[in-house]
Amino acid sequence: MPEKIRSFIAIPLPKNIETYLSSLILELKKTNADVKWVKPENIHLTLKFLGGQDAEILEKIRIILDKLVADKNVYPLGISHIGGFPKIENPRVIWVGLSSGDKETKAIAKELDEKINKLGIPKEERAFSSHITIGRVRSPLNKDKLTAALKNCAIEEEKLSFDADKIILYKSTLLPGGPVYEVIYEASLKKT
């Protein structure tokens, strides 16, 4: 039986955004809330989680990515606010949202979902929401402090925009110290 490769498709973030989000996480850690924070090098904007797939399916996904980016231009992405799913007052997931590029990102995610569904991978049950996960809440410990910190968090928007210029197919290996991501394939959007 072929090995299943845990994988996902995402837009990577540049180092300056990783660094900024890392400093934001350091501030939020001061609440001592029970949160599993995402390591800075693992922060990205997920377009589609694929689960465990064999190499043949991943090759077909590489072809889908090539076709998808053939008519997509590089576009600006901006980060503007922090939030929580299902709501900021009782978050299970802590995320950073977009101020620009949301429409383009949603269109790409929808197209990926539809094309990948034809390979037998189920469509997402929920509507896609452009966001960058920075933490997952494990328990209600210090939840009130965390909620207050999230509500008072100001993001310096002018520092946090970049060009979304590639889409990456990642392999995700789960280890005791957290996941390790490796690039399987990188598809570049068109420069205008």
N, C-alpha and C. Protein backbone atom coordinates (compact mmCIF):
# COMPACT_ATOMS: atom_id res chain seq x y z
N MET A 1 0.85 -1.19 0.00
CA MET A 1 0.00 0.00 0.00
C MET A 1 0.89 1.24 0.00
N PRO A 2 0.64 2.20 -0.92
CA PRO A 2 1.50 3.38 -0.98
C PRO A 2 1.38 4.24 0.28
N GLU A 3 2.50 4.90 0.57
CA GLU A 3 2.54 5.79 1.74
C GLU A 3 1.63 6.99 1.51
N LYS A 4 0.88 7.35 2.54
CA LYS A 4 0.04 8.55 2.50
C LYS A 4 0.85 9.73 3.02
N ILE A 5 0.82 10.82 2.27
CA ILE A 5 1.59 12.00 2.64
C ILE A 5 0.61 13.07 3.12
N ARG A 6 0.73 13.44 4.40
CA ARG A 6 -0.13 14.49 4.96
C ARG A 6 0.28 15.80 4.31
N SER A 7 -0.67 16.51 3.73
CA SER A 7 -0.30 17.68 2.94
C SER A 7 -1.38 18.76 2.95
N PHE A 8 -0.97 19.95 2.51
CA PHE A 8 -1.89 21.08 2.40
C PHE A 8 -1.33 22.08 1.39
N ILE A 9 -2.17 23.00 0.95
CA ILE A 9 -1.78 24.05 0.00
C ILE A 9 -1.92 25.38 0.72
N ALA A 10 -0.90 26.25 0.57
CA ALA A 10 -0.92 27.52 1.29
C ALA A 10 -0.14 28.61 0.56
N ILE A 11 -0.40 29.82 0.99
CA ILE A 11 0.40 30.97 0.57
C ILE A 11 1.41 31.22 1.68
N PRO A 12 2.70 31.20 1.35
CA PRO A 12 3.71 31.43 2.39
C PRO A 12 3.79 32.92 2.74
N LEU A 13 4.30 33.21 3.91
CA LEU A 13 4.47 34.60 4.36
C LEU A 13 5.94 34.97 4.31
N PRO A 14 6.24 36.23 3.98
CA PRO A 14 7.64 36.65 4.00
C PRO A 14 8.17 36.76 5.43
N LYS A 15 9.49 36.77 5.56
CA LYS A 15 10.15 36.81 6.88
C LYS A 15 9.68 37.97 7.75
N ASN A 16 9.51 39.16 7.17
CA ASN A 16 9.11 40.31 7.99
C ASN A 16 7.73 40.11 8.62
N ILE A 17 6.83 39.42 7.92
CA ILE A 17 5.50 39.14 8.48
C ILE A 17 5.62 38.07 9.57
N GLU A 18 6.42 37.04 9.31
CA GLU A 18 6.67 36.00 10.33
C GLU A 18 7.21 36.64 11.61
N THR A 19 8.18 37.55 11.44
CA THR A 19 8.80 38.22 12.59
C THR A 19 7.78 39.05 13.36
N TYR A 20 6.94 39.79 12.64
CA TYR A 20 5.93 40.61 13.28
C TYR A 20 4.94 39.73 14.05
N LEU A 21 4.47 38.67 13.41
CA LEU A 21 3.50 37.78 14.07
C LEU A 21 4.12 37.06 15.25
N SER A 22 5.42 36.76 15.16
CA SER A 22 6.13 36.16 16.28
C SER A 22 6.14 37.10 17.48
N SER A 23 6.36 38.39 17.24
CA SER A 23 6.36 39.36 18.35
C SER A 23 4.94 39.52 18.92
N LEU A 24 3.94 39.43 18.06
CA LEU A 24 2.55 39.49 18.51
C LEU A 24 2.24 38.28 19.41
N ILE A 25 2.69 37.11 18.99
CA ILE A 25 2.50 35.90 19.80
C ILE A 25 3.20 36.03 21.15
N LEU A 26 4.40 36.58 21.16
CA LEU A 26 5.12 36.78 22.44
C LEU A 26 4.30 37.64 23.39
N GLU A 27 3.66 38.68 22.88
CA GLU A 27 2.81 39.54 23.72
C GLU A 27 1.62 38.76 24.25
N LEU A 28 0.99 37.97 23.39
CA LEU A 28 -0.19 37.20 23.81
C LEU A 28 0.16 36.08 24.79
N LYS A 29 1.38 35.58 24.70
CA LYS A 29 1.82 34.53 25.65
C LYS A 29 1.86 35.05 27.08
N LYS A 30 1.99 36.36 27.25
CA LYS A 30 2.04 36.95 28.59
C LYS A 30 0.74 36.73 29.36
N THR A 31 -0.33 36.36 28.67
CA THR A 31 -1.60 36.09 29.35
C THR A 31 -1.57 34.75 30.08
N ASN A 32 -0.56 33.92 29.78
CA ASN A 32 -0.45 32.56 30.34
C ASN A 32 -1.67 31.70 30.04
N ALA A 33 -2.34 32.01 28.94
CA ALA A 33 -3.46 31.18 28.51
C ALA A 33 -2.90 29.87 27.95
N ASP A 34 -3.74 28.84 28.01
CA ASP A 34 -3.33 27.51 27.53
C ASP A 34 -3.57 27.43 26.02
N VAL A 35 -2.58 27.93 25.28
CA VAL A 35 -2.68 28.01 23.82
C VAL A 35 -1.46 27.32 23.21
N LYS A 36 -1.71 26.53 22.18
CA LYS A 36 -0.62 25.95 21.39
C LYS A 36 -0.35 26.96 20.27
N TRP A 37 0.72 27.72 20.43
CA TRP A 37 1.05 28.77 19.47
C TRP A 37 1.78 28.18 18.27
N VAL A 38 1.51 28.72 17.10
CA VAL A 38 2.17 28.26 15.88
C VAL A 38 3.59 28.83 15.86
N LYS A 39 4.55 27.97 15.54
CA LYS A 39 5.94 28.42 15.42
C LYS A 39 6.03 29.39 14.25
N PRO A 40 6.82 30.48 14.40
CA PRO A 40 6.89 31.49 13.34
C PRO A 40 7.19 30.92 11.96
N GLU A 41 8.07 29.94 11.88
CA GLU A 41 8.43 29.38 10.57
C GLU A 41 7.30 28.55 9.97
N ASN A 42 6.29 28.24 10.76
CA ASN A 42 5.16 27.45 10.26
C ASN A 42 3.91 28.28 9.97
N ILE A 43 4.00 29.58 10.16
CA ILE A 43 2.83 30.44 9.92
C ILE A 43 2.65 30.63 8.41
N HIS A 44 1.42 30.45 7.94
CA HIS A 44 1.10 30.55 6.52
C HIS A 44 -0.40 30.80 6.39
N LEU A 45 -0.85 31.04 5.17
CA LEU A 45 -2.27 31.21 4.90
C LEU A 45 -2.74 29.96 4.15
N THR A 46 -3.43 29.07 4.85
CA THR A 46 -3.88 27.81 4.26
C THR A 46 -5.00 28.06 3.26
N LEU A 47 -4.85 27.45 2.09
CA LEU A 47 -5.90 27.49 1.07
C LEU A 47 -6.73 26.21 1.06
N LYS A 48 -6.05 25.07 1.32
CA LYS A 48 -6.76 23.79 1.30
C LYS A 48 -5.95 22.76 2.05
N PHE A 49 -6.57 22.12 3.05
CA PHE A 49 -5.94 21.00 3.74
C PHE A 49 -6.32 19.74 2.96
N LEU A 50 -5.33 18.90 2.66
CA LEU A 50 -5.56 17.74 1.82
C LEU A 50 -5.61 16.43 2.59
N GLY A 51 -5.09 16.42 3.83
CA GLY A 51 -5.02 15.18 4.58
C GLY A 51 -3.96 14.26 3.99
N GLY A 52 -4.08 12.97 4.24
CA GLY A 52 -3.11 12.00 3.74
C GLY A 52 -3.42 11.61 2.30
N GLN A 53 -2.48 11.85 1.40
CA GLN A 53 -2.66 11.55 -0.03
C GLN A 53 -1.46 10.77 -0.54
N ASP A 54 -1.69 9.97 -1.58
CA ASP A 54 -0.56 9.26 -2.15
C ASP A 54 0.13 10.13 -3.21
N ALA A 55 1.32 9.72 -3.61
CA ALA A 55 2.16 10.51 -4.52
C ALA A 55 1.46 10.77 -5.85
N GLU A 56 0.68 9.81 -6.32
CA GLU A 56 -0.02 9.98 -7.60
C GLU A 56 -1.02 11.15 -7.54
N ILE A 57 -1.77 11.24 -6.46
CA ILE A 57 -2.73 12.34 -6.28
C ILE A 57 -1.97 13.67 -6.16
N LEU A 58 -0.87 13.67 -5.41
CA LEU A 58 -0.10 14.91 -5.25
C LEU A 58 0.46 15.38 -6.59
N GLU A 59 0.82 14.48 -7.46
CA GLU A 59 1.29 14.85 -8.80
C GLU A 59 0.15 15.50 -9.58
N LYS A 60 -1.05 14.98 -9.47
CA LYS A 60 -2.22 15.59 -10.13
C LYS A 60 -2.51 16.97 -9.55
N ILE A 61 -2.29 17.13 -8.26
CA ILE A 61 -2.49 18.44 -7.62
C ILE A 61 -1.44 19.44 -8.11
N ARG A 62 -0.22 18.97 -8.33
CA ARG A 62 0.82 19.83 -8.89
C ARG A 62 0.38 20.37 -10.25
N ILE A 63 -0.20 19.52 -11.07
CA ILE A 63 -0.69 19.94 -12.39
C ILE A 63 -1.83 20.95 -12.24
N ILE A 64 -2.73 20.71 -11.29
CA ILE A 64 -3.82 21.66 -11.02
C ILE A 64 -3.24 23.02 -10.63
N LEU A 65 -2.22 23.02 -9.76
CA LEU A 65 -1.60 24.28 -9.34
C LEU A 65 -1.00 25.02 -10.53
N ASP A 66 -0.30 24.30 -11.39
CA ASP A 66 0.30 24.94 -12.58
C ASP A 66 -0.76 25.59 -13.45
N LYS A 67 -1.86 24.89 -13.67
CA LYS A 67 -2.94 25.44 -14.49
C LYS A 67 -3.60 26.63 -13.80
N LEU A 68 -3.76 26.53 -12.50
CA LEU A 68 -4.41 27.59 -11.74
C LEU A 68 -3.62 28.90 -11.80
N VAL A 69 -2.30 28.83 -11.61
CA VAL A 69 -1.50 30.06 -11.57
C VAL A 69 -1.24 30.64 -12.95
N ALA A 70 -1.48 29.86 -14.01
CA ALA A 70 -1.20 30.33 -15.37
C ALA A 70 -1.95 31.62 -15.71
N ASP A 71 -3.14 31.81 -15.11
CA ASP A 71 -3.89 33.03 -15.41
C ASP A 71 -4.15 33.89 -14.17
N LYS A 72 -3.33 33.70 -13.15
CA LYS A 72 -3.48 34.49 -11.91
C LYS A 72 -2.27 35.40 -11.73
N ASN A 73 -2.55 36.66 -11.50
CA ASN A 73 -1.47 37.63 -11.26
C ASN A 73 -1.10 37.70 -9.79
N VAL A 74 0.15 38.08 -9.55
CA VAL A 74 0.59 38.41 -8.19
C VAL A 74 -0.38 39.47 -7.67
N TYR A 75 -0.75 39.39 -6.40
CA TYR A 75 -1.67 40.38 -5.84
C TYR A 75 -1.25 40.75 -4.43
N PRO A 76 -1.62 41.96 -3.99
CA PRO A 76 -1.23 42.39 -2.63
C PRO A 76 -2.10 41.75 -1.56
N LEU A 77 -1.44 41.34 -0.48
CA LEU A 77 -2.12 40.82 0.70
C LEU A 77 -1.75 41.73 1.86
N GLY A 78 -2.73 42.10 2.64
CA GLY A 78 -2.47 42.93 3.81
C GLY A 78 -3.11 42.31 5.04
N ILE A 79 -2.42 42.40 6.15
CA ILE A 79 -2.91 41.86 7.42
C ILE A 79 -3.37 43.03 8.28
N SER A 80 -4.58 42.89 8.86
CA SER A 80 -5.13 44.06 9.53
C SER A 80 -5.68 43.87 10.93
N HIS A 81 -6.08 42.67 11.29
CA HIS A 81 -6.77 42.52 12.58
C HIS A 81 -6.61 41.11 13.11
N ILE A 82 -6.91 40.98 14.39
CA ILE A 82 -6.82 39.68 15.04
C ILE A 82 -8.22 39.25 15.47
N GLY A 83 -8.45 37.95 15.47
CA GLY A 83 -9.76 37.46 15.85
C GLY A 83 -9.68 36.04 16.37
N GLY A 84 -10.85 35.46 16.60
CA GLY A 84 -10.92 34.10 17.10
C GLY A 84 -12.12 33.37 16.53
N PHE A 85 -11.96 32.08 16.29
CA PHE A 85 -13.09 31.22 15.90
C PHE A 85 -13.49 30.42 17.11
N PRO A 86 -14.74 30.21 17.45
CA PRO A 86 -15.88 30.74 16.73
C PRO A 86 -16.13 32.23 16.98
N LYS A 87 -15.66 32.76 18.11
CA LYS A 87 -15.77 34.20 18.36
C LYS A 87 -14.64 34.61 19.30
N ILE A 88 -14.31 35.87 19.28
CA ILE A 88 -13.15 36.36 20.03
C ILE A 88 -13.33 36.20 21.54
N GLU A 89 -14.58 36.21 22.03
CA GLU A 89 -14.85 36.07 23.46
C GLU A 89 -14.60 34.64 23.96
N ASN A 90 -14.64 33.69 23.07
CA ASN A 90 -14.45 32.29 23.46
C ASN A 90 -13.72 31.56 22.32
N PRO A 91 -12.47 31.96 22.07
CA PRO A 91 -11.80 31.41 20.89
C PRO A 91 -11.28 29.99 21.09
N ARG A 92 -11.39 29.21 20.02
CA ARG A 92 -10.70 27.92 19.96
C ARG A 92 -9.48 28.06 19.03
N VAL A 93 -9.63 28.94 18.04
CA VAL A 93 -8.54 29.24 17.11
C VAL A 93 -8.32 30.75 17.13
N ILE A 94 -7.06 31.15 17.23
CA ILE A 94 -6.70 32.57 17.20
C ILE A 94 -6.07 32.83 15.84
N TRP A 95 -6.55 33.87 15.17
CA TRP A 95 -6.12 34.12 13.80
C TRP A 95 -5.90 35.60 13.54
N VAL A 96 -5.23 35.84 12.43
CA VAL A 96 -5.02 37.21 11.93
C VAL A 96 -5.73 37.28 10.59
N GLY A 97 -6.50 38.36 10.38
CA GLY A 97 -7.29 38.51 9.15
C GLY A 97 -6.65 39.44 8.15
N LEU A 98 -7.27 39.50 6.97
CA LEU A 98 -6.72 40.29 5.87
C LEU A 98 -7.44 41.61 5.70
N SER A 99 -6.66 42.64 5.33
CA SER A 99 -7.24 43.93 4.97
C SER A 99 -7.32 44.08 3.46
N SER A 100 -6.46 43.35 2.74
CA SER A 100 -6.49 43.36 1.28
C SER A 100 -6.13 41.98 0.77
N GLY A 101 -6.62 41.68 -0.42
CA GLY A 101 -6.33 40.39 -1.02
C GLY A 101 -7.33 39.30 -0.66
N ASP A 102 -8.34 39.63 0.14
CA ASP A 102 -9.31 38.63 0.58
C ASP A 102 -10.10 38.07 -0.60
N LYS A 103 -10.56 38.94 -1.48
CA LYS A 103 -11.36 38.51 -2.63
C LYS A 103 -10.57 37.55 -3.51
N GLU A 104 -9.33 37.90 -3.82
CA GLU A 104 -8.48 37.06 -4.67
C GLU A 104 -8.18 35.72 -3.99
N THR A 105 -7.89 35.77 -2.69
CA THR A 105 -7.57 34.56 -1.94
C THR A 105 -8.77 33.62 -1.90
N LYS A 106 -9.96 34.16 -1.66
CA LYS A 106 -11.17 33.33 -1.64
C LYS A 106 -11.43 32.70 -3.01
N ALA A 107 -11.19 33.47 -4.08
CA ALA A 107 -11.41 32.93 -5.43
C ALA A 107 -10.45 31.77 -5.73
N ILE A 108 -9.20 31.92 -5.32
CA ILE A 108 -8.21 30.86 -5.52
C ILE A 108 -8.59 29.62 -4.70
N ALA A 109 -8.96 29.83 -3.44
CA ALA A 109 -9.34 28.71 -2.58
C ALA A 109 -10.56 27.98 -3.13
N LYS A 110 -11.53 28.71 -3.63
CA LYS A 110 -12.74 28.10 -4.20
C LYS A 110 -12.39 27.28 -5.44
N GLU A 111 -11.58 27.85 -6.32
CA GLU A 111 -11.18 27.14 -7.53
C GLU A 111 -10.39 25.87 -7.19
N LEU A 112 -9.48 25.97 -6.23
CA LEU A 112 -8.72 24.79 -5.79
C LEU A 112 -9.66 23.72 -5.24
N ASP A 113 -10.58 24.13 -4.39
CA ASP A 113 -11.51 23.19 -3.76
C ASP A 113 -12.31 22.44 -4.83
N GLU A 114 -12.79 23.17 -5.83
CA GLU A 114 -13.59 22.55 -6.89
C GLU A 114 -12.76 21.59 -7.74
N LYS A 115 -11.56 22.01 -8.13
CA LYS A 115 -10.73 21.17 -9.00
C LYS A 115 -10.20 19.95 -8.25
N ILE A 116 -9.82 20.13 -7.01
CA ILE A 116 -9.29 19.02 -6.23
C ILE A 116 -10.40 18.03 -5.86
N ASN A 117 -11.63 18.52 -5.74
CA ASN A 117 -12.77 17.64 -5.48
C ASN A 117 -12.94 16.60 -6.58
N LYS A 118 -12.57 16.96 -7.81
CA LYS A 118 -12.68 16.03 -8.94
C LYS A 118 -11.70 14.86 -8.81
N LEU A 119 -10.71 15.00 -7.91
CA LEU A 119 -9.76 13.91 -7.64
C LEU A 119 -10.26 12.99 -6.53
N GLY A 120 -11.43 13.33 -5.98
CA GLY A 120 -12.00 12.50 -4.92
C GLY A 120 -11.74 13.03 -3.52
N ILE A 121 -11.13 14.21 -3.43
CA ILE A 121 -10.89 14.83 -2.12
C ILE A 121 -12.10 15.71 -1.81
N PRO A 122 -12.76 15.48 -0.69
CA PRO A 122 -14.00 16.22 -0.39
C PRO A 122 -13.80 17.73 -0.34
N LYS A 123 -14.86 18.43 -0.76
CA LYS A 123 -14.88 19.89 -0.64
C LYS A 123 -14.97 20.26 0.84
N GLU A 124 -14.53 21.47 1.14
CA GLU A 124 -14.65 21.98 2.50
C GLU A 124 -16.14 22.12 2.85
N GLU A 125 -16.49 21.77 4.07
CA GLU A 125 -17.89 21.87 4.49
C GLU A 125 -18.28 23.31 4.78
N ARG A 126 -17.34 24.09 5.31
CA ARG A 126 -17.62 25.49 5.64
C ARG A 126 -17.11 26.39 4.53
N ALA A 127 -17.71 27.57 4.43
CA ALA A 127 -17.23 28.56 3.46
C ALA A 127 -15.80 28.96 3.85
N PHE A 128 -14.95 29.15 2.86
CA PHE A 128 -13.57 29.53 3.11
C PHE A 128 -13.52 30.92 3.74
N SER A 129 -12.68 31.07 4.75
CA SER A 129 -12.46 32.35 5.41
C SER A 129 -10.96 32.63 5.39
N SER A 130 -10.56 33.69 4.70
CA SER A 130 -9.14 34.03 4.61
C SER A 130 -8.62 34.42 5.98
N HIS A 131 -7.68 33.65 6.50
CA HIS A 131 -7.09 33.95 7.81
C HIS A 131 -5.77 33.21 7.97
N ILE A 132 -4.99 33.68 8.91
CA ILE A 132 -3.71 33.07 9.23
C ILE A 132 -3.80 32.62 10.69
N THR A 133 -3.80 31.31 10.90
CA THR A 133 -3.89 30.78 12.26
C THR A 133 -2.56 31.01 12.98
N ILE A 134 -2.66 31.57 14.21
CA ILE A 134 -1.44 31.77 15.00
C ILE A 134 -1.48 30.98 16.31
N GLY A 135 -2.65 30.42 16.66
CA GLY A 135 -2.72 29.63 17.89
C GLY A 135 -4.02 28.86 18.00
N ARG A 136 -3.95 27.78 18.80
CA ARG A 136 -5.13 26.96 19.07
C ARG A 136 -5.28 26.85 20.59
N VAL A 137 -6.44 27.23 21.10
CA VAL A 137 -6.70 27.22 22.54
C VAL A 137 -6.95 25.78 22.98
N ARG A 138 -6.23 25.36 24.04
CA ARG A 138 -6.35 23.98 24.52
C ARG A 138 -7.30 23.85 25.70
N SER A 139 -7.43 24.90 26.51
CA SER A 139 -8.31 24.83 27.68
C SER A 139 -8.73 26.26 28.06
N PRO A 140 -9.69 26.40 28.99
CA PRO A 140 -10.14 27.75 29.37
C PRO A 140 -9.20 28.49 30.33
N LEU A 141 -8.05 27.92 30.64
CA LEU A 141 -7.11 28.57 31.56
C LEU A 141 -6.78 30.00 31.09
N ASN A 142 -7.03 30.99 31.94
CA ASN A 142 -6.75 32.41 31.67
C ASN A 142 -7.43 32.92 30.40
N LYS A 143 -8.59 32.35 30.09
CA LYS A 143 -9.34 32.75 28.90
C LYS A 143 -9.71 34.23 28.93
N ASP A 144 -10.09 34.75 30.10
CA ASP A 144 -10.49 36.16 30.18
C ASP A 144 -9.32 37.08 29.87
N LYS A 145 -8.14 36.74 30.38
CA LYS A 145 -6.95 37.55 30.08
C LYS A 145 -6.64 37.50 28.59
N LEU A 146 -6.76 36.32 28.01
CA LEU A 146 -6.50 36.16 26.58
C LEU A 146 -7.48 36.98 25.76
N THR A 147 -8.77 36.89 26.09
CA THR A 147 -9.79 37.64 25.37
C THR A 147 -9.53 39.14 25.46
N ALA A 148 -9.19 39.63 26.64
CA ALA A 148 -8.88 41.06 26.81
C ALA A 148 -7.68 41.45 25.96
N ALA A 149 -6.65 40.62 25.96
CA ALA A 149 -5.45 40.92 25.16
C ALA A 149 -5.78 40.94 23.67
N LEU A 150 -6.60 40.00 23.22
CA LEU A 150 -6.99 39.96 21.81
C LEU A 150 -7.77 41.20 21.42
N LYS A 151 -8.70 41.61 22.28
CA LYS A 151 -9.51 42.80 21.99
C LYS A 151 -8.70 44.08 21.99
N ASN A 152 -7.62 44.11 22.77
CA ASN A 152 -6.78 45.31 22.85
C ASN A 152 -5.60 45.30 21.88
N CYS A 153 -5.50 44.24 21.12
CA CYS A 153 -4.37 44.07 20.21
C CYS A 153 -4.52 44.99 18.99
N ALA A 154 -3.54 45.83 18.77
CA ALA A 154 -3.54 46.71 17.60
C ALA A 154 -2.47 46.23 16.62
N ILE A 155 -2.88 46.01 15.41
CA ILE A 155 -1.93 45.56 14.38
C ILE A 155 -1.53 46.76 13.53
N GLU A 156 -0.22 46.92 13.33
CA GLU A 156 0.31 48.03 12.55
C GLU A 156 0.21 47.68 11.08
N GLU A 157 -0.97 47.98 10.52
CA GLU A 157 -1.32 47.56 9.16
C GLU A 157 -0.32 47.96 8.10
N GLU A 158 0.21 49.17 8.19
CA GLU A 158 1.11 49.66 7.14
C GLU A 158 2.37 48.82 7.00
N LYS A 159 2.74 48.10 8.05
CA LYS A 159 3.94 47.26 8.02
C LYS A 159 3.66 45.86 7.47
N LEU A 160 2.38 45.56 7.30
CA LEU A 160 2.03 44.17 7.08
C LEU A 160 1.34 43.88 5.75
N SER A 161 1.92 44.38 4.69
CA SER A 161 1.40 44.00 3.39
C SER A 161 2.55 43.45 2.56
N PHE A 162 2.21 42.56 1.66
CA PHE A 162 3.20 41.92 0.80
C PHE A 162 2.50 41.40 -0.44
N ASP A 163 3.29 41.01 -1.43
CA ASP A 163 2.73 40.45 -2.65
C ASP A 163 2.61 38.94 -2.51
N ALA A 164 1.40 38.44 -2.70
CA ALA A 164 1.20 36.99 -2.77
C ALA A 164 1.67 36.59 -4.15
N ASP A 165 2.81 35.92 -4.22
CA ASP A 165 3.40 35.62 -5.52
C ASP A 165 3.58 34.13 -5.78
N LYS A 166 3.23 33.30 -4.79
CA LYS A 166 3.33 31.86 -5.01
C LYS A 166 2.35 31.10 -4.13
N ILE A 167 2.06 29.91 -4.60
CA ILE A 167 1.21 28.97 -3.87
C ILE A 167 2.04 27.70 -3.71
N ILE A 168 2.07 27.18 -2.49
CA ILE A 168 2.94 26.04 -2.21
C ILE A 168 2.14 24.83 -1.75
N LEU A 169 2.52 23.69 -2.28
CA LEU A 169 2.02 22.40 -1.82
C LEU A 169 3.04 21.91 -0.79
N TYR A 170 2.58 21.75 0.46
CA TYR A 170 3.45 21.36 1.56
C TYR A 170 3.18 19.93 2.02
N LYS A 171 4.24 19.28 2.48
CA LYS A 171 4.14 18.03 3.23
C LYS A 171 4.19 18.41 4.70
N SER A 172 3.34 17.80 5.50
CA SER A 172 3.31 18.07 6.94
C SER A 172 3.61 16.77 7.69
N THR A 173 4.72 16.78 8.42
CA THR A 173 5.10 15.62 9.22
C THR A 173 4.85 15.97 10.68
N LEU A 174 4.00 15.18 11.34
CA LEU A 174 3.69 15.43 12.74
C LEU A 174 4.75 14.78 13.62
N LEU A 175 5.40 15.60 14.45
CA LEU A 175 6.42 15.14 15.38
C LEU A 175 6.03 15.56 16.80
N PRO A 176 6.61 14.95 17.83
CA PRO A 176 6.28 15.34 19.21
C PRO A 176 6.48 16.84 19.49
N GLY A 177 7.47 17.46 18.87
CA GLY A 177 7.73 18.89 19.09
C GLY A 177 6.88 19.80 18.23
N GLY A 178 5.99 19.24 17.45
CA GLY A 178 5.14 20.02 16.55
C GLY A 178 5.36 19.63 15.11
N PRO A 179 4.51 20.11 14.21
CA PRO A 179 4.63 19.71 12.81
C PRO A 179 5.86 20.33 12.14
N VAL A 180 6.37 19.61 11.16
CA VAL A 180 7.46 20.11 10.31
C VAL A 180 6.91 20.15 8.90
N TYR A 181 7.06 21.31 8.24
CA TYR A 181 6.54 21.47 6.89
C TYR A 181 7.69 21.47 5.89
N GLU A 182 7.48 20.75 4.79
CA GLU A 182 8.45 20.70 3.70
C GLU A 182 7.74 21.05 2.41
N VAL A 183 8.41 21.83 1.56
CA VAL A 183 7.84 22.19 0.27
C VAL A 183 7.90 20.96 -0.64
N ILE A 184 6.74 20.59 -1.19
CA ILE A 184 6.68 19.54 -2.21
C ILE A 184 6.77 20.19 -3.58
N TYR A 185 6.00 21.28 -3.74
CA TYR A 185 5.95 21.96 -5.03
C TYR A 185 5.59 23.43 -4.83
N GLU A 186 6.16 24.27 -5.66
CA GLU A 186 5.90 25.72 -5.59
C GLU A 186 5.44 26.19 -6.97
N ALA A 187 4.29 26.86 -7.01
CA ALA A 187 3.75 27.41 -8.25
C ALA A 187 3.75 28.92 -8.13
N SER A 188 4.35 29.61 -9.09
CA SER A 188 4.46 31.07 -9.04
C SER A 188 3.33 31.74 -9.83
N LEU A 189 2.74 32.76 -9.22
CA LEU A 189 1.72 33.55 -9.91
C LEU A 189 2.44 34.46 -10.91
N LYS A 190 1.66 34.95 -11.90
CA LYS A 190 2.23 35.79 -12.96
C LYS A 190 2.59 37.17 -12.41
N LYS A 191 3.75 37.64 -12.80
CA LYS A 191 4.15 39.02 -12.45
C LYS A 191 3.56 39.93 -13.52
N THR A 192 2.99 41.06 -13.08
CA THR A 192 2.38 41.98 -14.07
C THR A 192 3.34 43.06 -14.50
